Amino acid sequence: MLFILRYLILFAALVAAKGCNLTDNSTCPSGAHIIVARGSLEPQGSGLMGAVAQQINARIPNSDISPLKYPAIYEPYKPSQTEGVRSLAKVVRDYAARCPETKMILLGYSQGAHVVADVMCGASSIGFPTTKPLPLNISSKIAAVVLMGDPSTTKGQDFHVGTSQGDGVLPRQNPDGCRCVFRKTISFCDAGDPFCEAGGHDLRTHMRYVSAYGQMASDFAVSMFHLS
């Protein structure tokens, strides 16, 4: 785990240097409101998933991007992740009330994917506070959900894409919580990822979902937006 921590710190520094241009828009866009939950140790912003957000933003006119503000700390993980769940649930509820005609797209990477999945499906990983899925009147405002490297991956769910066949390190005990949102969700996990596949040892796999699946993720989100 020490090696993983050092690798993540180095990776976070590289992402910070790269940066990401964001749209700052306090009005309600006629396109999509794209909320991005970054991965562990990535600096405040959209992190790796920002590239996918930018692709979606470019393809849906009059959209904007909003990085979720939460700790994204790797250790201790649980308080950081649960704070992310609280923060995102509030952000989504508040935005749905403020901009009821605007559809949201949620993107999450690594810990951020765990955050997004818990908000949509309800938290049910062992050792984490149990929460309920978003109510239908709120989840109906969300056009698409894109997850990459989700530690709460649970094998057998229909929205999984990739080569992994197993559970993540923090699998959901109640995967049925996702049943109302699975059609608008896509979750990427490849074999060897040490977070979304328990027992995996290849951290490079965890870091390359955007390069491997970014176009597919963007295509999915845009198509779901137009269907919503």
C-alpha atoms as a PDB file:
ATOM      1  CA  MET A   1       0.000   0.000   0.000  1.00  0.00           C
ATOM      2  CA  LEU A   2       2.938   2.371   0.594  1.00  0.00           C
ATOM      3  CA  PHE A   3       3.963   1.956  -3.048  1.00  0.00           C
ATOM      4  CA  ILE A   4       0.412   2.761  -4.153  1.00  0.00           C
ATOM      5  CA  LEU A   5       0.332   5.873  -1.960  1.00  0.00           C
ATOM      6  CA  ARG A   6       3.631   7.157  -3.382  1.00  0.00           C
ATOM      7  CA  TYR A   7       2.441   6.480  -6.919  1.00  0.00           C
ATOM      8  CA  LEU A   8      -0.809   8.358  -6.333  1.00  0.00           C
ATOM      9  CA  ILE A   9       1.027  11.361  -4.880  1.00  0.00           C
ATOM     10  CA  LEU A  10       3.282  11.548  -7.945  1.00  0.00           C
ATOM     11  CA  PHE A  11       0.307  11.113 -10.242  1.00  0.00           C
ATOM     12  CA  ALA A  12      -1.643  13.882  -8.476  1.00  0.00           C
ATOM     13  CA  ALA A  13       1.261  16.265  -8.979  1.00  0.00           C
ATOM     14  CA  LEU A  14       1.290  15.533 -12.718  1.00  0.00           C
ATOM     15  CA  VAL A  15      -2.457  16.130 -13.014  1.00  0.00           C
ATOM     16  CA  ALA A  16      -2.149  19.416 -11.111  1.00  0.00           C
ATOM     17  CA  ALA A  17       0.528  20.586 -13.523  1.00  0.00           C
ATOM     18  CA  LYS A  18      -1.664  19.739 -16.518  1.00  0.00           C
ATOM     19  CA  GLY A  19      -4.712  21.665 -15.321  1.00  0.00           C
ATOM     20  CA  CYS A  20      -8.182  21.856 -16.834  1.00  0.00           C
ATOM     21  CA  ASN A  21     -10.239  24.738 -18.200  1.00  0.00           C
ATOM     22  CA  LEU A  22     -13.659  24.975 -16.558  1.00  0.00           C
ATOM     23  CA  THR A  23     -16.791  26.914 -17.345  1.00  0.00           C
ATOM     24  CA  ASP A  24     -17.920  29.170 -14.521  1.00  0.00           C
ATOM     25  CA  ASN A  25     -21.630  29.702 -15.035  1.00  0.00           C
ATOM     26  CA  SER A  26     -23.992  30.698 -12.237  1.00  0.00           C
ATOM     27  CA  THR A  27     -27.063  30.512 -14.495  1.00  0.00           C
ATOM     28  CA  CYS A  28     -28.924  27.385 -15.569  1.00  0.00           C
ATOM     29  CA  PRO A  29     -27.421  26.050 -18.808  1.00  0.00           C
ATOM     30  CA  SER A  30     -29.636  24.792 -21.610  1.00  0.00           C
ATOM     31  CA  GLY A  31     -27.178  21.928 -22.113  1.00  0.00           C
ATOM     32  CA  ALA A  32     -25.834  19.638 -19.395  1.00  0.00           C
ATOM     33  CA  HIS A  33     -24.477  20.455 -15.954  1.00  0.00           C
ATOM     34  CA  ILE A  34     -21.488  18.102 -15.653  1.00  0.00           C
ATOM     35  CA  ILE A  35     -20.401  17.321 -12.082  1.00  0.00           C
ATOM     36  CA  VAL A  36     -16.999  15.658 -11.690  1.00  0.00           C
ATOM     37  CA  ALA A  37     -15.790  13.812  -8.575  1.00  0.00           C
ATOM     38  CA  ARG A  38     -12.005  13.420  -8.764  1.00  0.00           C
ATOM     39  CA  GLY A  39      -9.937  10.485  -7.552  1.00  0.00           C
ATOM     40  CA  SER A  40      -7.861  10.056  -4.395  1.00  0.00           C
ATOM     41  CA  LEU A  41      -5.059  12.612  -3.939  1.00  0.00           C
ATOM     42  CA  GLU A  42      -5.940  14.535  -7.074  1.00  0.00           C
ATOM     43  CA  PRO A  43      -5.920  18.296  -6.368  1.00  0.00           C
ATOM     44  CA  GLN A  44      -9.208  20.192  -6.252  1.00  0.00           C
ATOM     45  CA  GLY A  45     -10.617  20.259  -9.754  1.00  0.00           C
ATOM     46  CA  SER A  46     -11.753  17.653 -12.261  1.00  0.00           C
ATOM     47  CA  GLY A  47      -8.572  15.548 -12.267  1.00  0.00           C
ATOM     48  CA  LEU A  48      -8.169  12.807 -14.854  1.00  0.00           C
ATOM     49  CA  MET A  49     -11.903  12.692 -15.520  1.00  0.00           C
ATOM     50  CA  GLY A  50     -11.729  16.318 -16.627  1.00  0.00           C
ATOM     51  CA  ALA A  51     -10.736  15.172 -20.113  1.00  0.00           C
ATOM     52  CA  VAL A  52     -13.996  13.229 -20.425  1.00  0.00           C
ATOM     53  CA  ALA A  53     -15.938  16.182 -19.026  1.00  0.00           C
ATOM     54  CA  GLN A  54     -14.376  18.465 -21.634  1.00  0.00           C
ATOM     55  CA  GLN A  55     -15.307  16.075 -24.442  1.00  0.00           C
ATOM     56  CA  ILE A  56     -18.918  15.989 -23.271  1.00  0.00           C
ATOM     57  CA  ASN A  57     -18.957  19.752 -22.782  1.00  0.00           C
ATOM     58  CA  ALA A  58     -17.757  20.274 -26.357  1.00  0.00           C
ATOM     59  CA  ARG A  59     -20.429  17.973 -27.783  1.00  0.00           C
ATOM     60  CA  ILE A  60     -23.441  19.301 -25.864  1.00  0.00           C
ATOM     61  CA  PRO A  61     -23.790  23.043 -26.547  1.00  0.00           C
ATOM     62  CA  ASN A  62     -24.366  25.411 -23.630  1.00  0.00           C
ATOM     63  CA  SER A  63     -23.131  22.980 -20.983  1.00  0.00           C
ATOM     64  CA  ASP A  64     -20.897  23.618 -17.998  1.00  0.00           C
ATOM     65  CA  ILE A  65     -18.523  21.675 -15.734  1.00  0.00           C
ATOM     66  CA  SER A  66     -18.495  21.737 -11.935  1.00  0.00           C
ATOM     67  CA  PRO A  67     -15.815  19.868  -9.944  1.00  0.00           C
ATOM     68  CA  LEU A  68     -17.133  18.459  -6.667  1.00  0.00           C
ATOM     69  CA  LYS A  69     -15.503  19.933  -3.576  1.00  0.00           C
ATOM     70  CA  TYR A  70     -14.549  17.156  -1.167  1.00  0.00           C
ATOM     71  CA  PRO A  71     -11.304  15.975   0.498  1.00  0.00           C
ATOM     72  CA  ALA A  72     -10.324  13.115  -1.884  1.00  0.00           C
ATOM     73  CA  ILE A  73      -7.879  11.866   0.765  1.00  0.00           C
ATOM     74  CA  TYR A  74      -6.467   8.364   0.348  1.00  0.00           C
ATOM     75  CA  GLU A  75      -5.758   7.714   4.033  1.00  0.00           C
ATOM     76  CA  PRO A  76      -7.974   7.829   6.012  1.00  0.00           C
ATOM     77  CA  TYR A  77     -10.291   6.935   3.157  1.00  0.00           C
ATOM     78  CA  LYS A  78     -13.668   6.467   4.844  1.00  0.00           C
ATOM     79  CA  PRO A  79     -14.175   9.994   6.250  1.00  0.00           C
ATOM     80  CA  SER A  80     -13.082  11.499   2.942  1.00  0.00           C
ATOM     81  CA  GLN A  81     -15.412   9.320   0.908  1.00  0.00           C
ATOM     82  CA  THR A  82     -18.398   9.783   3.210  1.00  0.00           C
ATOM     83  CA  GLU A  83     -17.869  13.554   3.145  1.00  0.00           C
ATOM     84  CA  GLY A  84     -17.900  13.295  -0.640  1.00  0.00           C
ATOM     85  CA  VAL A  85     -21.207  11.432  -0.536  1.00  0.00           C
ATOM     86  CA  ARG A  86     -22.749  14.093   1.714  1.00  0.00           C
ATOM     87  CA  SER A  87     -21.385  16.887  -0.453  1.00  0.00           C
ATOM     88  CA  LEU A  88     -22.513  15.421  -3.770  1.00  0.00           C
ATOM     89  CA  ALA A  89     -25.981  14.524  -2.489  1.00  0.00           C
ATOM     90  CA  LYS A  90     -26.462  18.123  -1.356  1.00  0.00           C
ATOM     91  CA  VAL A  91     -25.059  19.555  -4.587  1.00  0.00           C
ATOM     92  CA  VAL A  92     -27.370  17.407  -6.709  1.00  0.00           C
ATOM     93  CA  ARG A  93     -30.464  18.154  -4.626  1.00  0.00           C
ATOM     94  CA  ASP A  94     -29.748  21.882  -4.542  1.00  0.00           C
ATOM     95  CA  TYR A  95     -29.053  22.039  -8.257  1.00  0.00           C
ATOM     96  CA  ALA A  96     -32.208  20.103  -9.127  1.00  0.00           C
ATOM     97  CA  ALA A  97     -34.217  22.644  -7.127  1.00  0.00           C
ATOM     98  CA  ARG A  98     -32.411  25.646  -8.600  1.00  0.00           C
ATOM     99  CA  CYS A  99     -32.319  24.465 -12.240  1.00  0.00           C
ATOM    100  CA  PRO A 100     -35.158  21.945 -12.649  1.00  0.00           C
ATOM    101  CA  GLU A 101     -34.995  21.982 -16.459  1.00  0.00           C
ATOM    102  CA  THR A 102     -31.256  21.277 -16.684  1.00  0.00           C
ATOM    103  CA  LYS A 103     -30.072  17.677 -16.899  1.00  0.00           C
ATOM    104  CA  MET A 104     -27.007  16.652 -14.900  1.00  0.00           C
ATOM    105  CA  ILE A 105     -24.232  14.255 -15.882  1.00  0.00           C
ATOM    106  CA  LEU A 106     -22.185  12.731 -13.040  1.00  0.00           C
ATOM    107  CA  LEU A 107     -18.597  11.589 -13.590  1.00  0.00           C
ATOM    108  CA  GLY A 108     -16.474   9.851 -10.951  1.00  0.00           C
ATOM    109  CA  TYR A 109     -12.954   8.430 -10.919  1.00  0.00           C
ATOM    110  CA  SER A 110     -11.623   6.019  -8.270  1.00  0.00           C
ATOM    111  CA  GLN A 111     -12.740   7.395  -4.873  1.00  0.00           C
ATOM    112  CA  GLY A 112     -14.890   9.844  -6.830  1.00  0.00           C
ATOM    113  CA  ALA A 113     -16.578   6.912  -8.572  1.00  0.00           C
ATOM    114  CA  HIS A 114     -17.322   5.389  -5.158  1.00  0.00           C
ATOM    115  CA  VAL A 115     -18.830   8.731  -4.109  1.00  0.00           C
ATOM    116  CA  VAL A 116     -21.025   8.995  -7.203  1.00  0.00           C
ATOM    117  CA  ALA A 117     -22.135   5.361  -7.011  1.00  0.00           C
ATOM    118  CA  ASP A 118     -23.112   5.701  -3.341  1.00  0.00           C
ATOM    119  CA  VAL A 119     -25.185   8.796  -4.070  1.00  0.00           C
ATOM    120  CA  MET A 120     -26.994   7.126  -6.954  1.00  0.00           C
ATOM    121  CA  CYS A 121     -27.349   3.596  -5.547  1.00  0.00           C
ATOM    122  CA  GLY A 122     -27.153   4.137  -1.792  1.00  0.00           C
ATOM    123  CA  ALA A 123     -24.062   3.286   0.256  1.00  0.00           C
ATOM    124  CA  SER A 124     -23.817  -0.340   1.350  1.00  0.00           C
ATOM    125  CA  SER A 125     -20.091  -1.212   1.504  1.00  0.00           C
ATOM    126  CA  ILE A 126     -19.037  -2.905   4.760  1.00  0.00           C
ATOM    127  CA  GLY A 127     -17.821  -0.383   7.323  1.00  0.00           C
ATOM    128  CA  PHE A 128     -19.444   2.643   5.660  1.00  0.00           C
ATOM    129  CA  PRO A 129     -22.586   4.494   6.788  1.00  0.00           C
ATOM    130  CA  THR A 130     -25.614   3.096   4.974  1.00  0.00           C
ATOM    131  CA  THR A 131     -27.532   5.579   2.842  1.00  0.00           C
ATOM    132  CA  LYS A 132     -30.536   5.374   0.542  1.00  0.00           C
ATOM    133  CA  PRO A 133     -30.432   5.932  -3.231  1.00  0.00           C
ATOM    134  CA  LEU A 134     -31.477   9.323  -4.511  1.00  0.00           C
ATOM    135  CA  PRO A 135     -35.269   9.569  -4.753  1.00  0.00           C
ATOM    136  CA  LEU A 136     -36.714   9.265  -8.237  1.00  0.00           C
ATOM    137  CA  ASN A 137     -37.739  12.916  -8.429  1.00  0.00           C
ATOM    138  CA  ILE A 138     -34.041  13.829  -8.082  1.00  0.00           C
ATOM    139  CA  SER A 139     -32.380  10.943  -9.946  1.00  0.00           C
ATOM    140  CA  SER A 140     -34.650  11.646 -12.918  1.00  0.00           C
ATOM    141  CA  LYS A 141     -32.747  14.926 -13.359  1.00  0.00           C
ATOM    142  CA  ILE A 142     -29.531  12.969 -13.997  1.00  0.00           C
ATOM    143  CA  ALA A 143     -29.061  11.969 -17.618  1.00  0.00           C
ATOM    144  CA  ALA A 144     -25.933   9.828 -17.300  1.00  0.00           C
ATOM    145  CA  VAL A 145     -23.477   8.427 -14.767  1.00  0.00           C
ATOM    146  CA  VAL A 146     -19.905   7.501 -15.739  1.00  0.00           C
ATOM    147  CA  LEU A 147     -17.664   5.626 -13.281  1.00  0.00           C
ATOM    148  CA  MET A 148     -14.026   4.610 -13.703  1.00  0.00           C
ATOM    149  CA  GLY A 149     -12.086   2.384 -11.293  1.00  0.00           C
ATOM    150  CA  ASP A 150     -14.880   2.239  -8.699  1.00  0.00           C
ATOM    151  CA  PRO A 151     -13.783   0.479  -5.454  1.00  0.00           C
ATOM    152  CA  SER A 152     -17.436  -0.414  -4.781  1.00  0.00           C
ATOM    153  CA  THR A 153     -17.687  -2.435  -7.997  1.00  0.00           C
ATOM    154  CA  THR A 154     -19.914  -5.482  -7.497  1.00  0.00           C
ATOM    155  CA  LYS A 155     -19.676  -8.285 -10.028  1.00  0.00           C
ATOM    156  CA  GLY A 156     -22.645  -9.144 -12.186  1.00  0.00           C
ATOM    157  CA  GLN A 157     -24.132  -5.678 -12.614  1.00  0.00           C
ATOM    158  CA  ASP A 158     -25.316  -4.904 -16.128  1.00  0.00           C
ATOM    159  CA  PHE A 159     -23.605  -1.538 -16.457  1.00  0.00           C
ATOM    160  CA  HIS A 160     -20.047  -2.866 -16.088  1.00  0.00           C
ATOM    161  CA  VAL A 161     -17.600  -2.546 -18.989  1.00  0.00           C
ATOM    162  CA  GLY A 162     -14.050  -3.931 -19.068  1.00  0.00           C
ATOM    163  CA  THR A 163     -12.093  -7.103 -18.500  1.00  0.00           C
ATOM    164  CA  SER A 164     -12.570  -7.495 -14.743  1.00  0.00           C
ATOM    165  CA  GLN A 165     -14.944 -10.227 -13.587  1.00  0.00           C
ATOM    166  CA  GLY A 166     -14.708  -9.710  -9.820  1.00  0.00           C
ATOM    167  CA  ASP A 167     -15.691  -7.420  -6.977  1.00  0.00           C
ATOM    168  CA  GLY A 168     -13.889  -4.264  -5.961  1.00  0.00           C
ATOM    169  CA  VAL A 169     -12.142  -3.860  -2.615  1.00  0.00           C
ATOM    170  CA  LEU A 170     -15.340  -2.346  -1.131  1.00  0.00           C
ATOM    171  CA  PRO A 171     -18.194  -4.109  -2.942  1.00  0.00           C
ATOM    172  CA  ARG A 172     -21.794  -3.107  -2.349  1.00  0.00           C
ATOM    173  CA  GLN A 173     -23.772  -5.367  -0.074  1.00  0.00           C
ATOM    174  CA  ASN A 174     -26.995  -4.129  -1.653  1.00  0.00           C
ATOM    175  CA  PRO A 175     -26.341  -3.892  -5.399  1.00  0.00           C
ATOM    176  CA  ASP A 176     -30.103  -3.798  -6.009  1.00  0.00           C
ATOM    177  CA  GLY A 177     -29.937  -0.146  -4.976  1.00  0.00           C
ATOM    178  CA  CYS A 178     -28.648   0.542  -8.491  1.00  0.00           C
ATOM    179  CA  ARG A 179     -31.622  -1.042 -10.247  1.00  0.00           C
ATOM    180  CA  CYS A 180     -33.394   2.269 -10.919  1.00  0.00           C
ATOM    181  CA  VAL A 181     -30.339   3.914 -12.501  1.00  0.00           C
ATOM    182  CA  PHE A 182     -28.486   1.072 -14.230  1.00  0.00           C
ATOM    183  CA  ARG A 183     -29.700   2.029 -17.711  1.00  0.00           C
ATOM    184  CA  LYS A 184     -28.108   5.473 -17.425  1.00  0.00           C
ATOM    185  CA  THR A 185     -24.893   4.189 -15.792  1.00  0.00           C
ATOM    186  CA  ILE A 186     -21.626   2.868 -17.221  1.00  0.00           C
ATOM    187  CA  SER A 187     -18.758   1.666 -15.019  1.00  0.00           C
ATOM    188  CA  PHE A 188     -15.288   0.794 -16.319  1.00  0.00           C
ATOM    189  CA  CYS A 189     -13.040  -1.735 -14.566  1.00  0.00           C
ATOM    190  CA  ASP A 190     -10.244  -3.823 -16.044  1.00  0.00           C
ATOM    191  CA  ALA A 191      -8.531  -6.911 -14.653  1.00  0.00           C
ATOM    192  CA  GLY A 192      -5.543  -6.113 -12.459  1.00  0.00           C
ATOM    193  CA  ASP A 193      -6.878  -2.811 -11.088  1.00  0.00           C
ATOM    194  CA  PRO A 194      -6.080  -2.933  -7.339  1.00  0.00           C
ATOM    195  CA  PHE A 195      -9.170  -0.907  -6.393  1.00  0.00           C
ATOM    196  CA  CYS A 196     -12.091  -1.983  -8.573  1.00  0.00           C
ATOM    197  CA  GLU A 197     -10.845  -5.590  -8.650  1.00  0.00           C
ATOM    198  CA  ALA A 198      -9.874  -6.996  -5.253  1.00  0.00           C
ATOM    199  CA  GLY A 199      -6.535  -8.763  -5.514  1.00  0.00           C
ATOM    200  CA  GLY A 200      -5.349  -6.716  -8.483  1.00  0.00           C
ATOM    201  CA  HIS A 201      -1.778  -5.401  -8.439  1.00  0.00           C
ATOM    202  CA  ASP A 202      -1.417  -3.247 -11.561  1.00  0.00           C
ATOM    203  CA  LEU A 203      -1.839   0.404 -10.619  1.00  0.00           C
ATOM    204  CA  ARG A 204      -1.175   1.431 -14.218  1.00  0.00           C
ATOM    205  CA  THR A 205      -4.466  -0.220 -15.138  1.00  0.00           C
ATOM    206  CA  HIS A 206      -6.246   2.000 -12.618  1.00  0.00           C
ATOM    207  CA  MET A 207      -4.720   5.112 -14.163  1.00  0.00           C
ATOM    208  CA  ARG A 208      -5.454   4.533 -17.844  1.00  0.00           C
ATOM    209  CA  TYR A 209      -9.243   4.361 -18.110  1.00  0.00           C
ATOM    210  CA  VAL A 210      -9.516   7.780 -19.745  1.00  0.00           C
ATOM    211  CA  SER A 211      -7.058   6.867 -22.497  1.00  0.00           C
ATOM    212  CA  ALA A 212      -8.637   3.427 -22.943  1.00  0.00           C
ATOM    213  CA  TYR A 213     -12.320   4.292 -22.595  1.00  0.00           C
ATOM    214  CA  GLY A 214     -12.659   8.077 -22.670  1.00  0.00           C
ATOM    215  CA  GLN A 215     -14.304   8.179 -26.092  1.00  0.00           C
ATOM    216  CA  MET A 216     -16.750   5.416 -25.158  1.00  0.00           C
ATOM    217  CA  ALA A 217     -17.580   7.229 -21.926  1.00  0.00           C
ATOM    218  CA  SER A 218     -18.200  10.484 -23.772  1.00  0.00           C
ATOM    219  CA  ASP A 219     -20.333   8.759 -26.416  1.00  0.00           C
ATOM    220  CA  PHE A 220     -22.433   7.102 -23.708  1.00  0.00           C
ATOM    221  CA  ALA A 221     -22.996  10.307 -21.734  1.00  0.00           C
ATOM    222  CA  VAL A 222     -23.912  12.339 -24.810  1.00  0.00           C
ATOM    223  CA  SER A 223     -26.312   9.690 -26.119  1.00  0.00           C
ATOM    224  CA  MET A 224     -28.009   9.342 -22.728  1.00  0.00           C
ATOM    225  CA  PHE A 225     -28.352  13.123 -22.490  1.00  0.00           C
ATOM    226  CA  HIS A 226     -30.161  13.251 -25.830  1.00  0.00           C
ATOM    227  CA  LEU A 227     -32.420  10.374 -24.782  1.00  0.00           C
ATOM    228  CA  SER A 228     -33.342  11.972 -21.453  1.00  0.00           C
END
